[in-house]
Amino acid sequence: MRNSLFFSLKPVVVGVLIITGCAASCKRDGSKTAALNPASTAAVKAQFDILRDSVDVKWRTMTESDDQKIGTTRLLLRELQNQPGANATQLQNLERANTRLKAIRYDQQTMASSALIDRYDAAQDSLLKVVYPVAAPGGNAPTENARNFVEGLQQLDASVVGYRVQYDRAAKQYNQYLKLHQAELQSLGGRYAELKPLPLFELQN
């Protein structure tokens, strides 16, 4: 299962994407622009750093949303533990499974393995499939807090695909620019000499 998360960029980043989007459009039209063909290595570095920052913002927003989902699940399970007749053993097992999620979550490099993404998604989906009917049997949560937590989880879960799509868009721009200007970037040395394309959530043929 491959998805991706929506994030509204800060104004300055939006401006940057408009500029780079225009540059990409000009390239498709066959014209050479200063944006795609900078006059200096320094210009290449500056533009590449902007694209890198955009990717990092998308990734951070996506993982923060996932952290929030894990945190909300924890709060929900603890709310349920206080209810009369609660199955303490079951709830504790679910909380342990929820805590383990971060330990198996992929990062920007390990996500090159499709199996790691699938394993993480399967673990989280399986957990929520058990949590929802326990938290709100028949659609009726025992408390207002529990109901709010369930609704919050559903909203966060629904946002996963959009966030991943947004990340892939930024990563594709990064990868395209890296391919176009790899020689100039390598000439800078240091971390710029070791740059590699970023993996995508989108399945590659």
Foldseek 3Di string as FASTA:
>chain_A
DFFAFDDDDDVVLVVLVVVLVVCVVVVVVVDDDCQLVPPALVSLVVNLVSLVVQLVVLQVVLVVLVVVLLVLLLVLLVVQVPDPPRPVVVSVVLNVLSVCLVVLADDFARVLDVVSVVVSVVSVVVSVVVSVCSQDPVNHGPDPSSNVSNVSNVVSVVRGRVSQVSSQVSLVSSQVSCVSCLVSQCVVDDPSVVDDRIDGSDDDD
